[in-house]
Amino acid sequence: MPGAIVDSSTLIHLSCIGRLALLREFHGKVAIPPAVWQEVVEEGKGRPGAHELEAARRSGWIKVLTPKNQDLVKVLKQELDQGEAETIALAP
């Protein structure tokens, strides 16, 4: 299990200040859900975080994991966006 599960804001803000590696230093492995990958890398192409996240995934310290509890994701999406809902649903 990863040491941390993070959402888009965390990845983007740390990338903006050149400190994404802090996540690896503090937590070792980090997990993100597919919706966060889509928001930061696919929809955010050319923006802070996109290139850094791709590199982190290639090096193996960030993993994209799909939440198993999709019922929880559906409930959370009533109040949150997809990325936030999936991030919370990944928590043990």
N, C-alpha and C. Protein backbone atom coordinates (compact mmCIF):
# COMPACT_ATOMS: atom_id res chain seq x y z
N MET A 1 0.85 -1.19 0.00
CA MET A 1 0.00 0.00 0.00
C MET A 1 0.88 1.24 0.00
N PRO A 2 0.48 2.24 -0.76
CA PRO A 2 1.27 3.47 -0.81
C PRO A 2 1.25 4.21 0.52
N GLY A 3 2.24 5.07 0.70
CA GLY A 3 2.32 5.86 1.92
C GLY A 3 1.35 7.02 1.94
N ALA A 4 0.87 7.44 0.77
CA ALA A 4 -0.08 8.56 0.69
C ALA A 4 -0.96 8.40 -0.54
N ILE A 5 -2.14 8.98 -0.45
CA ILE A 5 -3.07 9.06 -1.57
C ILE A 5 -3.35 10.55 -1.74
N VAL A 6 -3.11 11.07 -2.94
CA VAL A 6 -3.23 12.52 -3.12
C VAL A 6 -4.16 12.88 -4.26
N ASP A 7 -4.65 14.11 -4.20
CA ASP A 7 -5.55 14.61 -5.24
C ASP A 7 -4.82 15.60 -6.14
N SER A 8 -5.54 16.14 -7.08
CA SER A 8 -4.96 17.03 -8.09
C SER A 8 -4.30 18.26 -7.50
N SER A 9 -4.98 18.91 -6.57
CA SER A 9 -4.46 20.17 -6.01
C SER A 9 -3.08 19.98 -5.40
N THR A 10 -2.90 18.91 -4.67
CA THR A 10 -1.60 18.63 -4.05
C THR A 10 -0.52 18.50 -5.11
N LEU A 11 -0.80 17.74 -6.14
CA LEU A 11 0.18 17.52 -7.21
C LEU A 11 0.49 18.81 -7.96
N ILE A 12 -0.53 19.55 -8.29
CA ILE A 12 -0.34 20.79 -9.06
C ILE A 12 0.43 21.82 -8.25
N HIS A 13 0.04 22.02 -6.99
CA HIS A 13 0.69 23.05 -6.19
C HIS A 13 2.14 22.72 -5.88
N LEU A 14 2.42 21.47 -5.55
CA LEU A 14 3.82 21.10 -5.32
C LEU A 14 4.64 21.21 -6.60
N SER A 15 4.06 20.89 -7.74
CA SER A 15 4.76 21.03 -9.01
C SER A 15 5.06 22.49 -9.32
N CYS A 16 4.11 23.36 -9.01
CA CYS A 16 4.30 24.80 -9.27
C CYS A 16 5.52 25.37 -8.55
N ILE A 17 5.81 24.83 -7.38
CA ILE A 17 6.95 25.35 -6.62
C ILE A 17 8.18 24.43 -6.74
N GLY A 18 8.10 23.46 -7.67
CA GLY A 18 9.23 22.57 -7.91
C GLY A 18 9.51 21.60 -6.78
N ARG A 19 8.48 21.22 -6.02
CA ARG A 19 8.69 20.38 -4.85
C ARG A 19 7.86 19.09 -4.86
N LEU A 20 7.48 18.59 -6.01
CA LEU A 20 6.71 17.35 -6.09
C LEU A 20 7.45 16.20 -5.40
N ALA A 21 8.76 16.21 -5.47
CA ALA A 21 9.56 15.14 -4.88
C ALA A 21 9.40 15.04 -3.37
N LEU A 22 8.86 16.07 -2.72
CA LEU A 22 8.60 15.99 -1.28
C LEU A 22 7.68 14.82 -0.96
N LEU A 23 6.73 14.56 -1.83
CA LEU A 23 5.82 13.42 -1.59
C LEU A 23 6.60 12.12 -1.52
N ARG A 24 7.55 11.93 -2.41
CA ARG A 24 8.36 10.71 -2.41
C ARG A 24 9.26 10.68 -1.18
N GLU A 25 9.83 11.83 -0.82
CA GLU A 25 10.72 11.87 0.35
C GLU A 25 9.98 11.52 1.64
N PHE A 26 8.75 12.02 1.79
CA PHE A 26 7.98 11.78 3.00
C PHE A 26 7.23 10.45 3.01
N HIS A 27 6.77 10.01 1.84
CA HIS A 27 5.86 8.85 1.81
C HIS A 27 6.37 7.66 1.01
N GLY A 28 7.43 7.80 0.29
CA GLY A 28 7.92 6.69 -0.55
C GLY A 28 7.06 6.54 -1.78
N LYS A 29 6.05 5.71 -1.71
CA LYS A 29 5.12 5.50 -2.83
C LYS A 29 3.85 6.29 -2.60
N VAL A 30 3.29 6.80 -3.69
CA VAL A 30 2.08 7.62 -3.66
C VAL A 30 1.08 7.05 -4.65
N ALA A 31 -0.18 7.06 -4.27
CA ALA A 31 -1.25 6.59 -5.16
C ALA A 31 -2.14 7.75 -5.56
N ILE A 32 -2.62 7.69 -6.78
CA ILE A 32 -3.61 8.65 -7.27
C ILE A 32 -4.67 7.86 -8.03
N PRO A 33 -5.91 8.33 -8.03
CA PRO A 33 -6.95 7.64 -8.80
C PRO A 33 -6.93 8.08 -10.27
N PRO A 34 -7.58 7.33 -11.14
CA PRO A 34 -7.61 7.66 -12.57
C PRO A 34 -8.13 9.07 -12.86
N ALA A 35 -9.12 9.54 -12.12
CA ALA A 35 -9.66 10.88 -12.39
C ALA A 35 -8.63 11.97 -12.13
N VAL A 36 -7.76 11.76 -11.16
CA VAL A 36 -6.70 12.73 -10.89
C VAL A 36 -5.67 12.70 -12.02
N TRP A 37 -5.31 11.52 -12.48
CA TRP A 37 -4.40 11.40 -13.62
C TRP A 37 -4.98 12.13 -14.84
N GLN A 38 -6.24 11.90 -15.10
CA GLN A 38 -6.89 12.53 -16.24
C GLN A 38 -6.87 14.06 -16.11
N GLU A 39 -7.21 14.56 -14.93
CA GLU A 39 -7.26 16.01 -14.72
C GLU A 39 -5.89 16.66 -14.84
N VAL A 40 -4.89 16.07 -14.23
CA VAL A 40 -3.56 16.70 -14.19
C VAL A 40 -2.79 16.47 -15.47
N VAL A 41 -2.78 15.24 -15.98
CA VAL A 41 -1.92 14.90 -17.12
C VAL A 41 -2.63 15.07 -18.46
N GLU A 42 -3.80 14.47 -18.60
CA GLU A 42 -4.46 14.48 -19.90
C GLU A 42 -5.11 15.84 -20.19
N GLU A 43 -5.92 16.33 -19.26
CA GLU A 43 -6.57 17.63 -19.48
C GLU A 43 -5.63 18.79 -19.20
N GLY A 44 -4.59 18.54 -18.41
CA GLY A 44 -3.67 19.62 -18.03
C GLY A 44 -2.39 19.65 -18.82
N LYS A 45 -2.38 19.02 -19.96
CA LYS A 45 -1.17 18.98 -20.79
C LYS A 45 -0.58 20.38 -20.95
N GLY A 46 0.70 20.52 -20.63
CA GLY A 46 1.39 21.80 -20.74
C GLY A 46 1.27 22.67 -19.50
N ARG A 47 0.49 22.23 -18.52
CA ARG A 47 0.32 23.00 -17.28
C ARG A 47 1.19 22.40 -16.18
N PRO A 48 1.38 23.15 -15.08
CA PRO A 48 2.17 22.61 -13.98
C PRO A 48 1.60 21.28 -13.48
N GLY A 49 2.50 20.33 -13.31
CA GLY A 49 2.13 19.03 -12.79
C GLY A 49 2.07 17.94 -13.83
N ALA A 50 1.70 18.26 -15.05
CA ALA A 50 1.50 17.23 -16.08
C ALA A 50 2.80 16.46 -16.37
N HIS A 51 3.82 17.18 -16.74
CA HIS A 51 5.10 16.53 -17.07
C HIS A 51 5.71 15.85 -15.84
N GLU A 52 5.64 16.53 -14.70
CA GLU A 52 6.22 15.99 -13.47
C GLU A 52 5.53 14.69 -13.06
N LEU A 53 4.22 14.65 -13.19
CA LEU A 53 3.47 13.46 -12.81
C LEU A 53 3.76 12.30 -13.76
N GLU A 54 3.87 12.59 -15.04
CA GLU A 54 4.24 11.54 -15.99
C GLU A 54 5.60 10.95 -15.65
N ALA A 55 6.56 11.81 -15.33
CA ALA A 55 7.90 11.35 -14.97
C ALA A 55 7.88 10.52 -13.69
N ALA A 56 7.11 10.95 -12.71
CA ALA A 56 7.01 10.23 -11.44
C ALA A 56 6.39 8.85 -11.64
N ARG A 57 5.41 8.77 -12.50
CA ARG A 57 4.78 7.47 -12.78
C ARG A 57 5.75 6.54 -13.50
N ARG A 58 6.49 7.09 -14.47
CA ARG A 58 7.49 6.28 -15.18
C ARG A 58 8.55 5.74 -14.22
N SER A 59 8.94 6.56 -13.25
CA SER A 59 9.97 6.11 -12.31
C SER A 59 9.42 5.18 -11.24
N GLY A 60 8.10 5.06 -11.15
CA GLY A 60 7.49 4.05 -10.30
C GLY A 60 7.07 4.47 -8.91
N TRP A 61 7.29 5.71 -8.53
CA TRP A 61 6.90 6.09 -7.16
C TRP A 61 5.48 6.64 -7.07
N ILE A 62 4.87 6.92 -8.20
CA ILE A 62 3.44 7.26 -8.23
C ILE A 62 2.72 6.19 -9.03
N LYS A 63 1.67 5.64 -8.44
CA LYS A 63 0.86 4.61 -9.08
C LYS A 63 -0.56 5.12 -9.26
N VAL A 64 -1.18 4.76 -10.36
CA VAL A 64 -2.59 5.07 -10.59
C VAL A 64 -3.39 3.83 -10.18
N LEU A 65 -4.26 4.01 -9.18
CA LEU A 65 -5.07 2.91 -8.67
C LEU A 65 -6.55 3.26 -8.77
N THR A 66 -7.34 2.31 -9.20
CA THR A 66 -8.78 2.50 -9.30
C THR A 66 -9.43 2.08 -7.98
N PRO A 67 -10.28 2.94 -7.41
CA PRO A 67 -10.95 2.57 -6.17
C PRO A 67 -11.82 1.33 -6.37
N LYS A 68 -11.77 0.42 -5.43
CA LYS A 68 -12.60 -0.79 -5.50
C LYS A 68 -14.04 -0.50 -5.13
N ASN A 69 -14.25 0.43 -4.21
CA ASN A 69 -15.59 0.72 -3.71
C ASN A 69 -16.26 1.80 -4.59
N GLN A 70 -16.80 1.37 -5.71
CA GLN A 70 -17.44 2.31 -6.64
C GLN A 70 -18.76 2.86 -6.09
N ASP A 71 -19.40 2.12 -5.18
CA ASP A 71 -20.61 2.64 -4.54
C ASP A 71 -20.28 3.87 -3.71
N LEU A 72 -19.15 3.84 -3.01
CA LEU A 72 -18.71 5.00 -2.23
C LEU A 72 -18.40 6.17 -3.15
N VAL A 73 -17.76 5.90 -4.27
CA VAL A 73 -17.46 6.98 -5.23
C VAL A 73 -18.76 7.66 -5.67
N LYS A 74 -19.77 6.88 -5.98
CA LYS A 74 -21.05 7.44 -6.42
C LYS A 74 -21.68 8.32 -5.34
N VAL A 75 -21.63 7.87 -4.10
CA VAL A 75 -22.19 8.65 -3.00
C VAL A 75 -21.40 9.95 -2.83
N LEU A 76 -20.09 9.87 -2.85
CA LEU A 76 -19.24 11.05 -2.66
C LEU A 76 -19.40 12.07 -3.79
N LYS A 77 -19.68 11.57 -5.00
CA LYS A 77 -19.84 12.46 -6.15
C LYS A 77 -21.07 13.36 -6.04
N GLN A 78 -21.94 13.06 -5.10
CA GLN A 78 -23.09 13.93 -4.89
C GLN A 78 -22.65 15.29 -4.34
N GLU A 79 -21.50 15.31 -3.66
CA GLU A 79 -21.00 16.55 -3.06
C GLU A 79 -19.61 16.97 -3.57
N LEU A 80 -18.90 16.06 -4.20
CA LEU A 80 -17.52 16.31 -4.62
C LEU A 80 -17.35 16.04 -6.10
N ASP A 81 -16.22 16.49 -6.65
CA ASP A 81 -15.95 16.15 -8.04
C ASP A 81 -15.37 14.74 -8.12
N GLN A 82 -15.23 14.22 -9.32
CA GLN A 82 -14.79 12.84 -9.54
C GLN A 82 -13.44 12.56 -8.89
N GLY A 83 -12.47 13.44 -9.08
CA GLY A 83 -11.14 13.21 -8.53
C GLY A 83 -11.14 13.16 -7.01
N GLU A 84 -11.84 14.07 -6.38
CA GLU A 84 -11.92 14.06 -4.92
C GLU A 84 -12.61 12.81 -4.42
N ALA A 85 -13.70 12.43 -5.07
CA ALA A 85 -14.46 11.24 -4.67
C ALA A 85 -13.58 9.99 -4.78
N GLU A 86 -12.88 9.84 -5.89
CA GLU A 86 -12.03 8.67 -6.08
C GLU A 86 -10.87 8.66 -5.09
N THR A 87 -10.31 9.83 -4.80
CA THR A 87 -9.19 9.91 -3.86
C THR A 87 -9.62 9.44 -2.48
N ILE A 88 -10.76 9.91 -2.02
CA ILE A 88 -11.27 9.50 -0.71
C ILE A 88 -11.59 8.01 -0.70
N ALA A 89 -12.15 7.51 -1.79
CA ALA A 89 -12.52 6.10 -1.86
C ALA A 89 -11.30 5.17 -1.87
N LEU A 90 -10.15 5.68 -2.25
CA LEU A 90 -8.93 4.87 -2.21
C LEU A 90 -8.38 4.69 -0.80
N ALA A 91 -8.76 5.55 0.11
CA ALA A 91 -8.24 5.47 1.48
C ALA A 91 -8.64 4.15 2.13
N PRO A 92 -7.69 3.55 2.87
CA PRO A 92 -8.00 2.27 3.52
C PRO A 92 -9.03 2.42 4.63
